[in-house]
């Protein structure tokens, strides 16, 4: 098994409530995804020149857990309009190298 990282990219928009995201959404997401192998997450305020407002990195023990977690994340995904109106972009993959 190989660690899997899911990167969530939030394009810049008129609405992104960072306080809500950090204090309400991410605790809900962490609670849900922990049972699917989430080991940690990081939230990054993106450089405005990048075209993105926020980046979230979700670290999972393996791809199976990440896949199962997102398949059953209806409540978590339904919460997205409470903090942003942008269309989320996600990219996932297993770690194959590093230091």
PDB file of N, CA and C in Angstrom:
ATOM      1  N   UNK A   1       0.843  -1.188   0.000  1.00  0.00           N
ATOM      2  CA  UNK A   1       0.000   0.000   0.000  1.00  0.00           C
ATOM      3  C   UNK A   1       0.879   1.239   0.000  1.00  0.00           C
ATOM      4  N   UNK A   2       0.393   2.259  -0.667  1.00  0.00           N
ATOM      5  CA  UNK A   2       1.139   3.500  -0.780  1.00  0.00           C
ATOM      6  C   UNK A   2       0.254   4.668  -0.368  1.00  0.00           C
ATOM      7  N   UNK A   3       0.846   5.599   0.372  1.00  0.00           N
ATOM      8  CA  UNK A   3       0.095   6.782   0.781  1.00  0.00           C
ATOM      9  C   UNK A   3      -0.492   7.466  -0.450  1.00  0.00           C
ATOM     10  N   UNK A   4      -1.705   7.966  -0.292  1.00  0.00           N
ATOM     11  CA  UNK A   4      -2.399   8.680  -1.357  1.00  0.00           C
ATOM     12  C   UNK A   4      -2.697  10.094  -0.885  1.00  0.00           C
ATOM     13  N   UNK A   5      -2.470  11.054  -1.764  1.00  0.00           N
ATOM     14  CA  UNK A   5      -2.775  12.445  -1.455  1.00  0.00           C
ATOM     15  C   UNK A   5      -3.843  12.929  -2.430  1.00  0.00           C
ATOM     16  N   UNK A   6      -4.889  13.524  -1.875  1.00  0.00           N
ATOM     17  CA  UNK A   6      -5.931  14.147  -2.686  1.00  0.00           C
ATOM     18  C   UNK A   6      -5.769  15.657  -2.521  1.00  0.00           C
ATOM     19  N   UNK A   7      -5.614  16.339  -3.647  1.00  0.00           N
ATOM     20  CA  UNK A   7      -5.461  17.790  -3.654  1.00  0.00           C
ATOM     21  C   UNK A   7      -6.773  18.410  -4.116  1.00  0.00           C
ATOM     22  N   UNK A   8      -7.318  19.292  -3.291  1.00  0.00           N
ATOM     23  CA  UNK A   8      -8.556  19.996  -3.617  1.00  0.00           C
ATOM     24  C   UNK A   8      -8.207  21.447  -3.910  1.00  0.00           C
ATOM     25  N   UNK A   9      -8.551  21.907  -5.084  1.00  0.00           N
ATOM     26  CA  UNK A   9      -8.243  23.270  -5.524  1.00  0.00           C
ATOM     27  C   UNK A   9      -9.539  24.065  -5.631  1.00  0.00           C
ATOM     28  N   UNK A  10      -9.587  25.195  -4.955  1.00  0.00           N
ATOM     29  CA  UNK A  10     -10.756  26.066  -5.001  1.00  0.00           C
ATOM     30  C   UNK A  10     -10.413  27.314  -5.812  1.00  0.00           C
ATOM     31  N   UNK A  11     -10.940  27.456  -7.030  1.00  0.00           N
ATOM     32  CA  UNK A  11     -10.681  28.657  -7.827  1.00  0.00           C
ATOM     33  C   UNK A  11     -11.158  29.921  -7.097  1.00  0.00           C
ATOM     34  N   UNK A  12     -10.498  31.041  -7.380  1.00  0.00           N
ATOM     35  CA  UNK A  12     -10.920  32.316  -6.788  1.00  0.00           C
ATOM     36  C   UNK A  12     -12.365  32.587  -7.172  1.00  0.00           C
ATOM     37  N   UNK A  13     -13.117  33.116  -6.232  1.00  0.00           N
ATOM     38  CA  UNK A  13     -14.509  33.473  -6.485  1.00  0.00           C
ATOM     39  C   UNK A  13     -14.887  34.610  -5.544  1.00  0.00           C
ATOM     40  N   UNK A  14     -16.096  35.105  -5.719  1.00  0.00           N
ATOM     41  CA  UNK A  14     -16.589  36.174  -4.844  1.00  0.00           C
ATOM     42  C   UNK A  14     -16.778  35.671  -3.416  1.00  0.00           C
ATOM     43  N   UNK A  15     -17.038  34.374  -3.274  1.00  0.00           N
ATOM     44  CA  UNK A  15     -17.356  33.834  -1.949  1.00  0.00           C
ATOM     45  C   UNK A  15     -16.393  32.714  -1.577  1.00  0.00           C
ATOM     46  N   UNK A  16     -15.627  32.929  -0.529  1.00  0.00           N
ATOM     47  CA  UNK A  16     -14.898  31.849   0.129  1.00  0.00           C
ATOM     48  C   UNK A  16     -14.745  32.252   1.586  1.00  0.00           C
ATOM     49  N   UNK A  17     -15.485  31.585   2.463  1.00  0.00           N
ATOM     50  CA  UNK A  17     -15.492  31.894   3.889  1.00  0.00           C
ATOM     51  C   UNK A  17     -14.467  31.003   4.591  1.00  0.00           C
ATOM     52  N   UNK A  18     -13.238  31.505   4.711  1.00  0.00           N
ATOM     53  CA  UNK A  18     -12.153  30.723   5.303  1.00  0.00           C
ATOM     54  C   UNK A  18     -12.454  30.348   6.747  1.00  0.00           C
ATOM     55  N   UNK A  19     -13.060  31.258   7.509  1.00  0.00           N
ATOM     56  CA  UNK A  19     -13.381  30.946   8.900  1.00  0.00           C
ATOM     57  C   UNK A  19     -14.322  29.744   8.973  1.00  0.00           C
ATOM     58  N   UNK A  20     -15.388  29.754   8.177  1.00  0.00           N
ATOM     59  CA  UNK A  20     -16.316  28.621   8.164  1.00  0.00           C
ATOM     60  C   UNK A  20     -15.598  27.349   7.721  1.00  0.00           C
ATOM     61  N   UNK A  21     -14.785  27.471   6.689  1.00  0.00           N
ATOM     62  CA  UNK A  21     -14.061  26.312   6.155  1.00  0.00           C
ATOM     63  C   UNK A  21     -13.201  25.659   7.231  1.00  0.00           C
ATOM     64  N   UNK A  22     -12.453  26.489   7.972  1.00  0.00           N
ATOM     65  CA  UNK A  22     -11.540  25.959   8.991  1.00  0.00           C
ATOM     66  C   UNK A  22     -12.239  25.489  10.256  1.00  0.00           C
ATOM     67  N   UNK A  23     -13.308  26.179  10.664  1.00  0.00           N
ATOM     68  CA  UNK A  23     -13.927  25.861  11.954  1.00  0.00           C
ATOM     69  C   UNK A  23     -15.130  24.926  11.870  1.00  0.00           C
ATOM     70  N   UNK A  24     -15.747  24.817  10.704  1.00  0.00           N
ATOM     71  CA  UNK A  24     -16.920  23.943  10.562  1.00  0.00           C
ATOM     72  C   UNK A  24     -16.715  22.832   9.538  1.00  0.00           C
ATOM     73  N   UNK A  25     -16.349  23.230   8.314  1.00  0.00           N
ATOM     74  CA  UNK A  25     -16.263  22.228   7.250  1.00  0.00           C
ATOM     75  C   UNK A  25     -15.132  21.223   7.471  1.00  0.00           C
ATOM     76  N   UNK A  26     -13.938  21.705   7.741  1.00  0.00           N
ATOM     77  CA  UNK A  26     -12.810  20.778   7.865  1.00  0.00           C
ATOM     78  C   UNK A  26     -12.941  19.829   9.061  1.00  0.00           C
ATOM     79  N   UNK A  27     -13.446  20.272  10.219  1.00  0.00           N
ATOM     80  CA  UNK A  27     -13.681  19.288  11.285  1.00  0.00           C
ATOM     81  C   UNK A  27     -14.687  18.208  10.871  1.00  0.00           C
ATOM     82  N   UNK A  28     -15.734  18.592  10.123  1.00  0.00           N
ATOM     83  CA  UNK A  28     -16.700  17.611   9.628  1.00  0.00           C
ATOM     84  C   UNK A  28     -16.020  16.646   8.658  1.00  0.00           C
ATOM     85  N   UNK A  29     -15.224  17.199   7.748  1.00  0.00           N
ATOM     86  CA  UNK A  29     -14.523  16.363   6.769  1.00  0.00           C
ATOM     87  C   UNK A  29     -13.538  15.428   7.463  1.00  0.00           C
ATOM     88  N   UNK A  30     -12.799  15.950   8.430  1.00  0.00           N
ATOM     89  CA  UNK A  30     -11.833  15.116   9.153  1.00  0.00           C
ATOM     90  C   UNK A  30     -12.531  13.953   9.857  1.00  0.00           C
ATOM     91  N   UNK A  31     -13.636  14.233  10.504  1.00  0.00           N
ATOM     92  CA  UNK A  31     -14.382  13.175  11.197  1.00  0.00           C
ATOM     93  C   UNK A  31     -14.820  12.089  10.213  1.00  0.00           C
ATOM     94  N   UNK A  32     -15.327  12.494   9.064  1.00  0.00           N
ATOM     95  CA  UNK A  32     -15.780  11.521   8.067  1.00  0.00           C
ATOM     96  C   UNK A  32     -14.608  10.721   7.495  1.00  0.00           C
ATOM     97  N   UNK A  33     -13.572  11.404   7.040  1.00  0.00           N
ATOM     98  CA  UNK A  33     -12.489  10.735   6.320  1.00  0.00           C
ATOM     99  C   UNK A  33     -11.540   9.950   7.218  1.00  0.00           C
ATOM    100  N   UNK A  34     -11.486  10.261   8.522  1.00  0.00           N
ATOM    101  CA  UNK A  34     -10.603   9.494   9.419  1.00  0.00           C
ATOM    102  C   UNK A  34     -10.947   8.010   9.404  1.00  0.00           C
ATOM    103  N   UNK A  35     -12.221   7.700   9.323  1.00  0.00           N
ATOM    104  CA  UNK A  35     -12.624   6.289   9.305  1.00  0.00           C
ATOM    105  C   UNK A  35     -12.272   5.613   7.977  1.00  0.00           C
ATOM    106  N   UNK A  36     -11.788   6.395   7.019  1.00  0.00           N
ATOM    107  CA  UNK A  36     -11.371   5.868   5.716  1.00  0.00           C
ATOM    108  C   UNK A  36      -9.862   5.998   5.511  1.00  0.00           C
ATOM    109  N   UNK A  37      -9.136   6.221   6.595  1.00  0.00           N
ATOM    110  CA  UNK A  37      -7.681   6.242   6.511  1.00  0.00           C
ATOM    111  C   UNK A  37      -7.032   7.603   6.373  1.00  0.00           C
ATOM    112  N   UNK A  38      -7.779   8.685   6.598  1.00  0.00           N
ATOM    113  CA  UNK A  38      -7.166  10.011   6.576  1.00  0.00           C
ATOM    114  C   UNK A  38      -6.162  10.103   7.719  1.00  0.00           C
ATOM    115  N   UNK A  39      -4.935  10.489   7.407  1.00  0.00           N
ATOM    116  CA  UNK A  39      -3.903  10.614   8.442  1.00  0.00           C
ATOM    117  C   UNK A  39      -3.640  12.062   8.824  1.00  0.00           C
ATOM    118  N   UNK A  40      -3.820  12.976   7.882  1.00  0.00           N
ATOM    119  CA  UNK A  40      -3.691  14.407   8.174  1.00  0.00           C
ATOM    120  C   UNK A  40      -4.232  15.202   7.001  1.00  0.00           C
ATOM    121  N   UNK A  41      -4.410  16.494   7.242  1.00  0.00           N
ATOM    122  CA  UNK A  41      -4.773  17.403   6.157  1.00  0.00           C
ATOM    123  C   UNK A  41      -4.054  18.726   6.361  1.00  0.00           C
ATOM    124  N   UNK A  42      -3.906  19.465   5.278  1.00  0.00           N
ATOM    125  CA  UNK A  42      -3.320  20.799   5.320  1.00  0.00           C
ATOM    126  C   UNK A  42      -4.165  21.724   4.458  1.00  0.00           C
ATOM    127  N   UNK A  43      -4.385  22.945   4.950  1.00  0.00           N
ATOM    128  CA  UNK A  43      -5.112  23.964   4.202  1.00  0.00           C
ATOM    129  C   UNK A  43      -4.124  25.079   3.880  1.00  0.00           C
ATOM    130  N   UNK A  44      -4.070  25.453   2.616  1.00  0.00           N
ATOM    131  CA  UNK A  44      -3.118  26.451   2.138  1.00  0.00           C
ATOM    132  C   UNK A  44      -3.889  27.610   1.516  1.00  0.00           C
ATOM    133  N   UNK A  45      -3.588  28.827   1.953  1.00  0.00           N
ATOM    134  CA  UNK A  45      -4.150  30.002   1.294  1.00  0.00           C
ATOM    135  C   UNK A  45      -3.271  30.269   0.078  1.00  0.00           C
ATOM    136  N   UNK A  46      -3.830  30.094  -1.093  1.00  0.00           N
ATOM    137  CA  UNK A  46      -3.060  30.150  -2.338  1.00  0.00           C
ATOM    138  C   UNK A  46      -2.634  31.575  -2.690  1.00  0.00           C
ATOM    139  N   UNK A  47      -1.555  31.661  -3.433  1.00  0.00           N
ATOM    140  CA  UNK A  47      -1.101  32.928  -4.000  1.00  0.00           C
ATOM    141  C   UNK A  47      -2.186  33.419  -4.956  1.00  0.00           C
ATOM    142  N   UNK A  48      -2.688  34.633  -4.786  1.00  0.00           N
ATOM    143  CA  UNK A  48      -3.761  35.125  -5.660  1.00  0.00           C
ATOM    144  C   UNK A  48      -3.435  35.046  -7.152  1.00  0.00           C
ATOM    145  N   UNK A  49      -2.169  35.153  -7.503  1.00  0.00           N
ATOM    146  CA  UNK A  49      -1.780  35.087  -8.917  1.00  0.00           C
ATOM    147  C   UNK A  49      -1.993  33.700  -9.518  1.00  0.00           C
ATOM    148  N   UNK A  50      -2.184  32.688  -8.665  1.00  0.00           N
ATOM    149  CA  UNK A  50      -2.357  31.317  -9.150  1.00  0.00           C
ATOM    150  C   UNK A  50      -3.732  31.065  -9.754  1.00  0.00           C
ATOM    151  N   UNK A  51      -4.691  31.939  -9.439  1.00  0.00           N
ATOM    152  CA  UNK A  51      -6.058  31.717  -9.897  1.00  0.00           C
ATOM    153  C   UNK A  51      -6.888  30.917  -8.908  1.00  0.00           C
ATOM    154  N   UNK A  52      -6.262  30.489  -7.816  1.00  0.00           N
ATOM    155  CA  UNK A  52      -6.957  29.715  -6.787  1.00  0.00           C
ATOM    156  C   UNK A  52      -6.977  30.488  -5.477  1.00  0.00           C
ATOM    157  N   UNK A  53      -8.043  30.291  -4.708  1.00  0.00           N
ATOM    158  CA  UNK A  53      -8.164  30.926  -3.401  1.00  0.00           C
ATOM    159  C   UNK A  53      -7.536  30.060  -2.319  1.00  0.00           C
ATOM    160  N   UNK A  54      -7.824  28.774  -2.393  1.00  0.00           N
ATOM    161  CA  UNK A  54      -7.435  27.846  -1.334  1.00  0.00           C
ATOM    162  C   UNK A  54      -7.094  26.492  -1.929  1.00  0.00           C
ATOM    163  N   UNK A  55      -6.147  25.825  -1.283  1.00  0.00           N
ATOM    164  CA  UNK A  55      -5.762  24.460  -1.637  1.00  0.00           C
ATOM    165  C   UNK A  55      -5.851  23.636  -0.365  1.00  0.00           C
ATOM    166  N   UNK A  56      -6.412  22.445  -0.460  1.00  0.00           N
ATOM    167  CA  UNK A  56      -6.463  21.532   0.675  1.00  0.00           C
ATOM    168  C   UNK A  56      -5.815  20.216   0.257  1.00  0.00           C
ATOM    169  N   UNK A  57      -4.892  19.739   1.077  1.00  0.00           N
ATOM    170  CA  UNK A  57      -4.236  18.451   0.846  1.00  0.00           C
ATOM    171  C   UNK A  57      -4.757  17.457   1.868  1.00  0.00           C
ATOM    172  N   UNK A  58      -5.289  16.345   1.392  1.00  0.00           N
ATOM    173  CA  UNK A  58      -5.791  15.272   2.254  1.00  0.00           C
ATOM    174  C   UNK A  58      -4.871  14.073   2.090  1.00  0.00           C
ATOM    175  N   UNK A  59      -4.301  13.595   3.190  1.00  0.00           N
ATOM    176  CA  UNK A  59      -3.359  12.474   3.172  1.00  0.00           C
ATOM    177  C   UNK A  59      -4.066  11.217   3.672  1.00  0.00           C
ATOM    178  N   UNK A  60      -4.084  10.181   2.847  1.00  0.00           N
ATOM    179  CA  UNK A  60      -4.727   8.916   3.197  1.00  0.00           C
ATOM    180  C   UNK A  60      -3.695   7.793   3.235  1.00  0.00           C
ATOM    181  N   UNK A  61      -3.979   6.768   4.024  1.00  0.00           N
ATOM    182  CA  UNK A  61      -3.092   5.598   4.090  1.00  0.00           C
ATOM    183  C   UNK A  61      -2.963   4.921   2.735  1.00  0.00           C
ATOM    184  N   UNK A  62      -4.070   4.905   1.964  1.00  0.00           N
ATOM    185  CA  UNK A  62      -4.043   4.250   0.651  1.00  0.00           C
ATOM    186  C   UNK A  62      -5.173   4.767  -0.232  1.00  0.00           C
ATOM    187  N   UNK A  63      -5.105   4.423  -1.512  1.00  0.00           N
ATOM    188  CA  UNK A  63      -6.090   4.885  -2.493  1.00  0.00           C
ATOM    189  C   UNK A  63      -7.478   4.313  -2.224  1.00  0.00           C
ATOM    190  N   UNK A  64      -7.540   3.077  -1.763  1.00  0.00           N
ATOM    191  CA  UNK A  64      -8.838   2.456  -1.499  1.00  0.00           C
ATOM    192  C   UNK A  64      -9.617   3.262  -0.463  1.00  0.00           C
ATOM    193  N   UNK A  65      -8.951   3.664   0.603  1.00  0.00           N
ATOM    194  CA  UNK A  65      -9.610   4.458   1.636  1.00  0.00           C
ATOM    195  C   UNK A  65     -10.087   5.802   1.106  1.00  0.00           C
ATOM    196  N   UNK A  66      -9.251   6.448   0.309  1.00  0.00           N
ATOM    197  CA  UNK A  66      -9.637   7.739  -0.271  1.00  0.00           C
ATOM    198  C   UNK A  66     -10.861   7.567  -1.165  1.00  0.00           C
ATOM    199  N   UNK A  67     -10.842   6.556  -2.021  1.00  0.00           N
ATOM    200  CA  UNK A  67     -11.971   6.302  -2.925  1.00  0.00           C
ATOM    201  C   UNK A  67     -13.252   6.028  -2.149  1.00  0.00           C
ATOM    202  N   UNK A  68     -13.167   5.144  -1.152  1.00  0.00           N
ATOM    203  CA  UNK A  68     -14.347   4.813  -0.351  1.00  0.00           C
ATOM    204  C   UNK A  68     -14.843   6.027   0.420  1.00  0.00           C
ATOM    205  N   UNK A  69     -13.913   6.818   0.923  1.00  0.00           N
ATOM    206  CA  UNK A  69     -14.293   8.011   1.666  1.00  0.00           C
ATOM    207  C   UNK A  69     -15.066   9.002   0.821  1.00  0.00           C
ATOM    208  N   UNK A  70     -14.607   9.236  -0.400  1.00  0.00           N
ATOM    209  CA  UNK A  70     -15.302  10.193  -1.259  1.00  0.00           C
ATOM    210  C   UNK A  70     -16.626   9.643  -1.774  1.00  0.00           C
ATOM    211  N   UNK A  71     -16.720   8.334  -1.965  1.00  0.00           N
ATOM    212  CA  UNK A  71     -17.987   7.745  -2.419  1.00  0.00           C
ATOM    213  C   UNK A  71     -19.086   7.911  -1.378  1.00  0.00           C
ATOM    214  N   UNK A  72     -18.703   7.994  -0.107  1.00  0.00           N
ATOM    215  CA  UNK A  72     -19.698   8.102   0.962  1.00  0.00           C
ATOM    216  C   UNK A  72     -19.691   9.482   1.626  1.00  0.00           C
ATOM    217  N   UNK A  73     -19.171  10.487   0.940  1.00  0.00           N
ATOM    218  CA  UNK A  73     -19.009  11.822   1.534  1.00  0.00           C
ATOM    219  C   UNK A  73     -20.137  12.787   1.173  1.00  0.00           C
ATOM    220  N   UNK A  74     -21.327  12.271   0.988  1.00  0.00           N
ATOM    221  CA  UNK A  74     -22.448  13.121   0.588  1.00  0.00           C
ATOM    222  C   UNK A  74     -22.675  14.314   1.491  1.00  0.00           C
ATOM    223  N   UNK A  75     -22.668  14.100   2.807  1.00  0.00           N
ATOM    224  CA  UNK A  75     -22.895  15.195   3.749  1.00  0.00           C
ATOM    225  C   UNK A  75     -21.775  16.232   3.678  1.00  0.00           C
ATOM    226  N   UNK A  76     -20.549  15.765   3.536  1.00  0.00           N
ATOM    227  CA  UNK A  76     -19.401  16.674   3.458  1.00  0.00           C
ATOM    228  C   UNK A  76     -19.488  17.511   2.186  1.00  0.00           C
ATOM    229  N   UNK A  77     -19.772  16.869   1.072  1.00  0.00           N
ATOM    230  CA  UNK A  77     -19.861  17.587  -0.203  1.00  0.00           C
ATOM    231  C   UNK A  77     -21.065  18.526  -0.246  1.00  0.00           C
ATOM    232  N   UNK A  78     -22.144  18.154   0.422  1.00  0.00           N
ATOM    233  CA  UNK A  78     -23.332  19.009   0.467  1.00  0.00           C
ATOM    234  C   UNK A  78     -23.075  20.299   1.248  1.00  0.00           C
ATOM    235  N   UNK A  79     -22.027  20.313   2.063  1.00  0.00           N
ATOM    236  CA  UNK A  79     -21.689  21.490   2.867  1.00  0.00           C
ATOM    237  C   UNK A  79     -20.917  22.547   2.071  1.00  0.00           C
ATOM    238  N   UNK A  80     -20.376  22.190   0.928  1.00  0.00           N
ATOM    239  CA  UNK A  80     -19.526  23.106   0.147  1.00  0.00           C
ATOM    240  C   UNK A  80     -20.199  24.461  -0.113  1.00  0.00           C
ATOM    241  N   UNK A  81     -21.475  24.521  -0.521  1.00  0.00           N
ATOM    242  CA  UNK A  81     -22.092  25.834  -0.776  1.00  0.00           C
ATOM    243  C   UNK A  81     -22.154  26.744   0.454  1.00  0.00           C
ATOM    244  N   UNK A  82     -21.948  26.199   1.639  1.00  0.00           N
ATOM    245  CA  UNK A  82     -21.949  27.032   2.843  1.00  0.00           C
ATOM    246  C   UNK A  82     -20.701  27.899   2.968  1.00  0.00           C
ATOM    247  N   UNK A  83     -19.639  27.578   2.219  1.00  0.00           N
ATOM    248  CA  UNK A  83     -18.430  28.402   2.311  1.00  0.00           C
ATOM    249  C   UNK A  83     -17.909  28.906   0.968  1.00  0.00           C
ATOM    250  N   UNK A  84     -18.369  28.350  -0.152  1.00  0.00           N
ATOM    251  CA  UNK A  84     -17.905  28.859  -1.447  1.00  0.00           C
ATOM    252  C   UNK A  84     -18.928  28.609  -2.540  1.00  0.00           C
ATOM    253  N   UNK A  85     -18.818  29.426  -3.584  1.00  0.00           N
ATOM    254  CA  UNK A  85     -19.644  29.217  -4.770  1.00  0.00           C
ATOM    255  C   UNK A  85     -18.787  28.774  -5.956  1.00  0.00           C
ATOM    256  N   UNK A  86     -17.508  28.509  -5.708  1.00  0.00           N
ATOM    257  CA  UNK A  86     -16.623  28.094  -6.801  1.00  0.00           C
ATOM    258  C   UNK A  86     -16.726  26.592  -7.041  1.00  0.00           C
ATOM    259  N   UNK A  87     -16.370  26.178  -8.235  1.00  0.00           N
ATOM    260  CA  UNK A  87     -16.411  24.763  -8.603  1.00  0.00           C
ATOM    261  C   UNK A  87     -15.080  24.119  -8.230  1.00  0.00           C
ATOM    262  N   UNK A  88     -15.145  23.191  -7.330  1.00  0.00           N
ATOM    263  CA  UNK A  88     -13.983  22.485  -6.801  1.00  0.00           C
ATOM    264  C   UNK A  88     -13.292  21.643  -7.875  1.00  0.00           C
ATOM    265  N   UNK A  89     -11.970  21.687  -7.884  1.00  0.00           N
ATOM    266  CA  UNK A  89     -11.158  20.841  -8.759  1.00  0.00           C
ATOM    267  C   UNK A  89     -10.399  19.884  -7.851  1.00  0.00           C
ATOM    268  N   UNK A  90     -10.438  18.586  -8.141  1.00  0.00           N
ATOM    269  CA  UNK A  90      -9.714  17.625  -7.302  1.00  0.00           C
ATOM    270  C   UNK A  90      -8.787  16.765  -8.149  1.00  0.00           C
ATOM    271  N   UNK A  91      -7.633  16.470  -7.555  1.00  0.00           N
ATOM    272  CA  UNK A  91      -6.633  15.618  -8.188  1.00  0.00           C
ATOM    273  C   UNK A  91      -6.108  14.693  -7.102  1.00  0.00           C
ATOM    274  N   UNK A  92      -6.083  13.403  -7.376  1.00  0.00           N
ATOM    275  CA  UNK A  92      -5.575  12.452  -6.396  1.00  0.00           C
ATOM    276  C   UNK A  92      -4.557  11.522  -7.010  1.00  0.00           C
ATOM    277  N   UNK A  93      -3.719  10.967  -6.164  1.00  0.00           N
ATOM    278  CA  UNK A  93      -2.739  10.005  -6.646  1.00  0.00           C
ATOM    279  C   UNK A  93      -1.892   9.460  -5.521  1.00  0.00           C
ATOM    280  N   UNK A  94      -1.221   8.339  -5.792  1.00  0.00           N
ATOM    281  CA  UNK A  94      -0.380   7.725  -4.773  1.00  0.00           C
ATOM    282  C   UNK A  94       1.025   8.311  -4.819  1.00  0.00           C
ATOM    283  N   UNK A  95       1.633   8.366  -3.656  1.00  0.00           N
ATOM    284  CA  UNK A  95       2.987   8.891  -3.532  1.00  0.00           C
ATOM    285  C   UNK A  95       3.958   7.841  -4.057  1.00  0.00           C
ATOM    286  N   UNK A  96       4.822   8.228  -4.990  1.00  0.00           N
ATOM    287  CA  UNK A  96       5.785   7.291  -5.575  1.00  0.00           C
ATOM    288  C   UNK A  96       7.236   7.696  -5.307  1.00  0.00           C
ATOM    289  N   UNK A  97       7.441   8.837  -4.674  1.00  0.00           N
ATOM    290  CA  UNK A  97       8.803   9.264  -4.368  1.00  0.00           C
ATOM    291  C   UNK A  97       8.797  10.434  -3.419  1.00  0.00           C
ATOM    292  N   UNK A  98       9.950  10.776  -2.925  1.00  0.00           N
ATOM    293  CA  UNK A  98      10.076  11.903  -2.003  1.00  0.00           C
ATOM    294  C   UNK A  98      11.270  11.716  -1.095  1.00  0.00           C
ATOM    295  N   UNK A  99      11.451  12.657  -0.167  1.00  0.00           N
ATOM    296  CA  UNK A  99      12.560  12.522   0.780  1.00  0.00           C
ATOM    297  C   UNK A  99      12.076  12.528   2.199  1.00  0.00           C
TER     298      UNK A  99
END
